Amino acid sequence: MTGSRSRTTGTLATLMVALLLAAGCGSSKSSSGGSAAAGPATTTAPSHPLRVLVTNDDGYAAKGIDAVVEGLRARPDTEVTVVAPLKNQSGTDGKTTSGSLTVTDVKTASGYPAKAVDGYPADTIVWAIDQHGIDFTPDVVISGINFGQNVGQATTISGTVGAARAAATRGIPALAASQGLPDPVDFPAGVKQVLTWLSGQQSALLDGSDKSPIVLQNLNIPTCTAGSVRGLVEVPISTADAALDLGTSDCTSTKTDPADDLVGFSEGFVTLSNLPLQAP
C-alpha cells in the first residue's frame, strides 16, 4: 500500500508540474502576443543621403568651390556632385547659352571629380537638370563659395546668384555663398557658415518642406583682418548704390541691428538674405 501511495503521489506531482509548466507557457505566449500587439514596429526606412549639387561662377578650379566641396565631403550622409563653369564667369548674372553645351570631365583643386561646362554659371544648371547631365534631382544646390562678397545691388549681376536662382526656378532649394574681401579671403570661415546653414536646413530639405515656398538665399561671410566674425543676421538685400558693395568688413564694430545686408556685412556680420525667384 505504501508503495502504491508513493507511486500515486509521484504521478500526481508529475501531473501538477506538467500543468503548471503548461500554464506558464500559455501565459508566456499570451504576454508575448499582447506585447507585440501593444507595441507596433518602430523601424522606419532610412532617408537617402543629402544630395548636394555644387556650382559657382569662378570656375571649377577656383579655391572657393574646392574649399566648400572638401567641407561637404567631410559631412556624414552627404553626396556631393560638382558641375561648374569651365572658366571664370563672374558678373554674368543668369545668362544662358542657346543650343548644346560642351562639357568635360575635370577635377577640383583637391582632385575631386567634376563636370566643367563651357558656358555661364546658369548653364551648369541647364545642363545638369534640363539636359539631364546628372541622373537625379539634387536636394539642394550650393553656388560658391565666391571670391568676394555679393551684397546689395551686386546680387543683380552676380553669376553666383544667377546659378542659385536657376536652380530655384526649377524647384530646387539653393544657396548662393560668397566670402568677403580683402584678399586673401578666409574661405574656411565661409565653409563653416555654409555647413551650419546646411545642417539647419537638412531635415526640411530631405522631407521636401523646403520646396514650398522654394528656398533661395544669399549668404555673405566677412573676411576679418581684425576682430572676428560677429555672428549671423537675417536681413533684406540693400537697395543702396552698387558702388558701396565692394567695401570690407569692420569685425571690431559694436553696432547692432543692421538694416540690410550691406550694412550688416560692413559691420562684421554674416548676412543671410532671401532672394526673389525672378531677377530684378
Protein backbone atom coordinates (compact mmCIF):
# COMPACT_ATOMS: atom_id res chain seq x y z
CA MET A 1 0.00 0.00 0.00
CA THR A 2 2.78 2.38 0.90
CA GLY A 3 4.48 1.72 -2.41
CA SER A 4 1.16 2.22 -4.23
CA ARG A 5 0.55 5.55 -2.43
CA SER A 6 4.09 6.65 -3.26
CA ARG A 7 3.58 5.88 -6.91
CA THR A 8 0.20 7.65 -6.89
CA THR A 9 1.62 10.67 -5.11
CA GLY A 10 4.53 10.77 -7.55
CA THR A 11 2.18 10.55 -10.50
CA LEU A 12 0.01 13.41 -9.18
CA ALA A 13 3.06 15.52 -8.52
CA THR A 14 4.26 14.90 -12.04
CA LEU A 15 0.85 15.90 -13.43
CA MET A 16 0.80 19.08 -11.33
CA VAL A 17 4.24 20.06 -12.56
CA ALA A 18 3.18 19.45 -16.15
CA LEU A 19 0.02 21.54 -15.66
CA LEU A 20 2.00 24.37 -14.10
CA LEU A 21 4.50 24.28 -16.92
CA ALA A 22 1.72 24.32 -19.48
CA ALA A 23 0.04 27.24 -17.75
CA GLY A 24 3.35 29.06 -17.60
CA CYS A 25 4.00 28.52 -21.29
CA GLY A 26 0.48 29.67 -22.16
CA SER A 27 0.96 32.76 -20.02
CA SER A 28 4.27 33.48 -21.72
CA LYS A 29 2.76 33.21 -25.17
CA SER A 30 -0.15 35.44 -24.21
CA SER A 31 2.20 38.02 -22.73
CA SER A 32 4.39 37.94 -25.79
CA GLY A 33 1.43 38.26 -28.11
CA GLY A 34 -0.06 41.10 -26.07
CA SER A 35 3.24 42.92 -26.05
CA ALA A 36 3.56 42.64 -29.82
CA ALA A 37 0.05 43.99 -30.33
CA ALA A 38 0.61 46.93 -27.98
CA GLY A 39 3.99 47.92 -29.44
CA PRO A 40 3.94 48.45 -33.22
CA ALA A 41 7.23 48.19 -35.06
CA THR A 42 9.22 51.44 -34.84
CA THR A 43 11.68 50.67 -37.60
CA THR A 44 11.46 53.20 -40.43
CA ALA A 45 13.17 53.18 -43.76
CA PRO A 46 16.31 55.32 -43.57
CA SER A 47 16.22 58.51 -45.62
CA HIS A 48 18.62 58.83 -48.51
CA PRO A 49 21.86 60.78 -48.11
CA LEU A 50 21.60 64.52 -48.69
CA ARG A 51 22.38 65.08 -52.37
CA VAL A 52 24.19 68.36 -52.92
CA LEU A 53 24.97 69.84 -56.33
CA VAL A 54 27.80 72.39 -56.15
CA THR A 55 28.45 75.07 -58.74
CA ASN A 56 29.92 78.60 -58.82
CA ASP A 57 30.85 81.46 -61.15
CA ASP A 58 34.64 81.49 -60.58
CA GLY A 59 35.16 78.22 -62.45
CA TYR A 60 35.70 74.62 -61.37
CA ALA A 61 39.39 75.20 -60.50
CA ALA A 62 38.72 78.07 -58.07
CA LYS A 63 39.77 77.91 -54.42
CA GLY A 64 36.32 78.71 -53.11
CA ILE A 65 34.49 75.83 -54.73
CA ASP A 66 37.31 73.50 -53.74
CA ALA A 67 37.04 74.59 -50.11
CA VAL A 68 33.30 74.06 -49.87
CA VAL A 69 33.43 70.72 -51.71
CA GLU A 70 36.03 69.41 -49.27
CA GLY A 71 33.91 70.65 -46.36
CA LEU A 72 30.81 68.94 -47.74
CA ARG A 73 32.68 65.71 -48.36
CA ALA A 74 33.51 65.55 -44.66
CA ARG A 75 29.81 65.61 -43.70
CA PRO A 76 28.19 62.26 -42.94
CA ASP A 77 25.45 61.02 -45.26
CA THR A 78 26.16 63.63 -47.91
CA GLU A 79 26.66 63.01 -51.62
CA VAL A 80 28.49 65.78 -53.48
CA THR A 81 28.26 66.39 -57.23
CA VAL A 82 30.21 69.21 -58.86
CA VAL A 83 29.08 70.87 -62.09
CA ALA A 84 30.79 74.24 -62.59
CA PRO A 85 31.82 76.61 -65.36
CA LEU A 86 34.94 75.77 -67.30
CA LYS A 87 36.27 79.31 -66.85
CA ASN A 88 35.70 82.31 -64.62
CA GLN A 89 32.25 83.74 -65.38
CA SER A 90 31.92 86.38 -62.67
CA GLY A 91 29.34 89.08 -63.25
CA THR A 92 27.26 87.15 -65.77
CA ASP A 93 24.06 87.03 -63.70
CA GLY A 94 21.61 84.44 -65.04
CA LYS A 95 22.75 84.38 -68.68
CA THR A 96 22.46 81.10 -70.54
CA THR A 97 23.79 79.69 -73.80
CA SER A 98 21.45 78.64 -76.58
CA GLY A 99 21.94 75.23 -78.11
CA SER A 100 24.13 72.39 -76.92
CA LEU A 101 26.76 72.76 -74.22
CA THR A 102 30.26 71.35 -74.23
CA VAL A 103 31.06 69.51 -71.01
CA THR A 104 34.33 67.90 -69.98
CA ASP A 105 35.50 65.72 -67.11
CA VAL A 106 37.80 67.64 -64.79
CA LYS A 107 38.88 67.70 -61.14
CA THR A 108 38.75 70.37 -58.47
CA ALA A 109 41.96 71.75 -56.98
CA SER A 110 41.95 68.94 -54.40
CA GLY A 111 41.28 66.28 -57.02
CA TYR A 112 37.53 65.70 -56.64
CA PRO A 113 35.78 64.68 -59.92
CA ALA A 114 33.74 67.43 -61.55
CA LYS A 115 32.00 68.36 -64.78
CA ALA A 116 33.13 71.58 -66.45
CA VAL A 117 30.52 73.34 -68.57
CA ASP A 118 31.81 75.68 -71.25
CA GLY A 119 29.26 78.39 -70.57
CA TYR A 120 27.73 80.61 -67.91
CA PRO A 121 27.02 79.67 -64.27
CA ALA A 122 23.31 79.22 -65.01
CA ASP A 123 24.29 76.91 -67.88
CA THR A 124 25.59 74.43 -65.32
CA ILE A 125 22.04 74.06 -64.02
CA VAL A 126 20.59 73.91 -67.52
CA TRP A 127 22.97 71.07 -68.39
CA ALA A 128 22.56 69.22 -65.10
CA ILE A 129 18.77 69.47 -64.81
CA ASP A 130 17.17 70.37 -68.14
CA GLN A 131 19.53 68.35 -70.29
CA HIS A 132 19.78 65.52 -67.75
CA GLY A 133 23.51 65.78 -67.34
CA ILE A 134 23.00 64.16 -63.94
CA ASP A 135 20.57 61.31 -63.36
CA PHE A 136 18.96 62.59 -60.15
CA THR A 137 17.38 65.71 -58.73
CA PRO A 138 19.58 67.22 -56.02
CA ASP A 139 18.09 68.09 -52.65
CA VAL A 140 19.91 71.43 -52.69
CA VAL A 141 22.27 73.48 -54.83
CA ILE A 142 25.20 75.33 -53.27
CA SER A 143 26.61 78.05 -55.53
CA GLY A 144 30.03 79.25 -54.37
CA ILE A 145 31.94 79.91 -52.35
CA ASN A 146 32.50 83.06 -54.38
CA PHE A 147 35.68 85.13 -54.23
CA GLY A 148 34.32 88.43 -52.88
CA GLN A 149 31.01 89.42 -51.36
CA ASN A 150 27.72 89.63 -53.24
CA VAL A 151 25.65 92.05 -51.19
CA GLY A 152 23.21 94.80 -52.09
CA GLN A 153 22.90 95.58 -55.77
CA ALA A 154 25.86 93.33 -56.61
CA THR A 155 23.35 90.47 -56.43
CA THR A 156 21.74 91.70 -59.64
CA ILE A 157 24.84 90.89 -61.71
CA SER A 158 26.34 88.03 -59.71
CA GLY A 159 26.85 84.75 -61.57
CA THR A 160 26.92 83.03 -58.17
CA VAL A 161 23.39 84.28 -57.54
CA GLY A 162 22.43 83.57 -61.17
CA ALA A 163 23.27 79.87 -60.81
CA ALA A 164 21.42 79.59 -57.50
CA ARG A 165 18.37 81.31 -58.99
CA ALA A 166 18.44 78.96 -62.00
CA ALA A 167 18.20 76.03 -59.58
CA ALA A 168 15.42 77.58 -57.51
CA THR A 169 13.28 78.36 -60.55
CA ARG A 170 13.49 74.65 -61.34
CA GLY A 171 12.14 73.75 -57.92
CA ILE A 172 15.44 73.06 -56.17
CA PRO A 173 16.32 74.91 -52.94
CA ALA A 174 19.53 76.87 -53.41
CA LEU A 175 22.10 78.91 -51.52
CA ALA A 176 24.46 81.47 -53.05
CA ALA A 177 27.52 81.77 -50.79
CA SER A 178 30.25 84.40 -51.00
CA GLN A 179 33.37 85.14 -48.98
CA GLY A 180 34.17 88.81 -48.50
CA LEU A 181 37.27 90.77 -49.37
CA PRO A 182 40.10 91.63 -48.74
CA ASP A 183 42.40 89.10 -50.32
CA PRO A 184 43.43 86.55 -49.13
CA VAL A 185 39.82 85.74 -48.35
CA ASP A 186 39.01 83.48 -45.41
CA PHE A 187 37.39 80.53 -47.18
CA PRO A 188 37.45 78.31 -44.04
CA ALA A 189 35.16 80.84 -42.35
CA GLY A 190 32.83 80.60 -45.33
CA VAL A 191 32.82 76.80 -45.31
CA LYS A 192 31.87 76.81 -41.63
CA GLN A 193 28.89 79.04 -42.30
CA VAL A 194 27.71 77.03 -45.32
CA LEU A 195 27.84 73.80 -43.33
CA THR A 196 25.97 75.41 -40.43
CA TRP A 197 23.27 76.61 -42.82
CA LEU A 198 23.02 73.18 -44.40
CA SER A 199 22.70 71.43 -41.04
CA GLY A 200 19.87 73.76 -40.09
CA GLN A 201 18.04 73.04 -43.35
CA GLN A 202 18.77 69.33 -43.70
CA SER A 203 15.54 67.89 -42.29
CA ALA A 204 13.40 70.21 -44.39
CA LEU A 205 15.50 69.51 -47.47
CA LEU A 206 15.11 65.76 -47.08
CA ASP A 207 11.37 65.78 -46.34
CA GLY A 208 10.66 68.29 -49.09
CA SER A 209 9.19 71.05 -46.92
CA ASP A 210 11.90 73.47 -48.09
CA LYS A 211 10.35 73.30 -51.55
CA SER A 212 7.20 75.24 -50.68
CA PRO A 213 7.99 78.05 -50.95
CA ILE A 214 11.29 77.38 -52.66
CA VAL A 215 14.27 78.45 -50.59
CA LEU A 216 16.60 80.85 -52.42
CA GLN A 217 19.02 82.59 -50.09
CA ASN A 218 22.17 84.66 -50.24
CA LEU A 219 24.93 84.13 -47.64
CA ASN A 220 27.88 86.51 -47.26
CA ILE A 221 30.72 85.87 -44.84
CA PRO A 222 33.23 88.57 -43.84
CA THR A 223 36.98 88.14 -44.01
CA CYS A 224 38.16 89.77 -40.79
CA THR A 225 41.58 91.44 -40.70
CA ALA A 226 40.96 92.39 -37.06
CA GLY A 227 38.45 91.03 -34.59
CA SER A 228 36.29 88.06 -35.54
CA VAL A 229 33.05 87.28 -37.31
CA ARG A 230 30.26 88.70 -35.17
CA GLY A 231 27.56 86.14 -35.87
CA LEU A 232 24.72 85.78 -38.34
CA VAL A 233 21.91 88.24 -39.06
CA GLU A 234 18.96 87.68 -41.34
CA VAL A 235 18.41 90.92 -43.23
CA PRO A 236 16.94 92.13 -46.52
CA ILE A 237 19.00 92.90 -49.61
CA SER A 238 20.13 96.52 -49.66
CA THR A 239 18.84 98.83 -52.36
CA ALA A 240 21.80 101.22 -51.96
CA ASP A 241 24.16 102.11 -54.79
CA ALA A 242 26.17 99.14 -56.08
CA ALA A 243 29.38 101.18 -55.75
CA LEU A 244 29.14 100.70 -51.99
CA ASP A 245 29.10 96.92 -52.25
CA LEU A 246 32.86 96.50 -52.58
CA GLY A 247 33.80 97.62 -49.07
CA THR A 248 35.40 95.35 -46.49
CA SER A 249 34.08 94.40 -43.07
CA ASP A 250 34.83 96.01 -39.72
CA CYS A 251 34.72 92.98 -37.46
CA THR A 252 35.61 95.13 -34.44
CA SER A 253 32.39 97.13 -34.78
CA THR A 254 29.99 97.17 -31.83
CA LYS A 255 26.99 98.34 -33.82
CA THR A 256 23.89 96.16 -33.73
CA ASP A 257 20.64 95.63 -35.59
CA PRO A 258 21.80 96.31 -39.15
CA ALA A 259 19.07 97.42 -41.52
CA ASP A 260 20.19 95.37 -44.52
CA ASP A 261 22.88 93.05 -45.87
CA LEU A 262 25.21 95.83 -46.96
CA VAL A 263 25.24 97.43 -43.52
CA GLY A 264 25.42 94.09 -41.70
CA PHE A 265 28.30 92.86 -43.79
CA SER A 266 30.22 96.11 -43.35
CA GLU A 267 29.82 95.73 -39.57
CA GLY A 268 31.34 92.27 -39.48
CA PHE A 269 28.20 90.12 -39.51
CA VAL A 270 27.48 87.08 -41.63
CA THR A 271 24.39 88.13 -43.60
CA LEU A 272 21.64 85.82 -44.80
CA SER A 273 19.02 87.26 -47.14
CA ASN A 274 16.12 85.92 -49.12
CA LEU A 275 16.37 86.41 -52.88
CA PRO A 276 13.43 86.76 -55.27
CA LEU A 277 12.89 83.88 -57.66
CA GLN A 278 12.68 86.32 -60.55
CA ALA A 279 15.71 88.52 -61.22
CA PRO A 280 15.08 92.23 -60.59
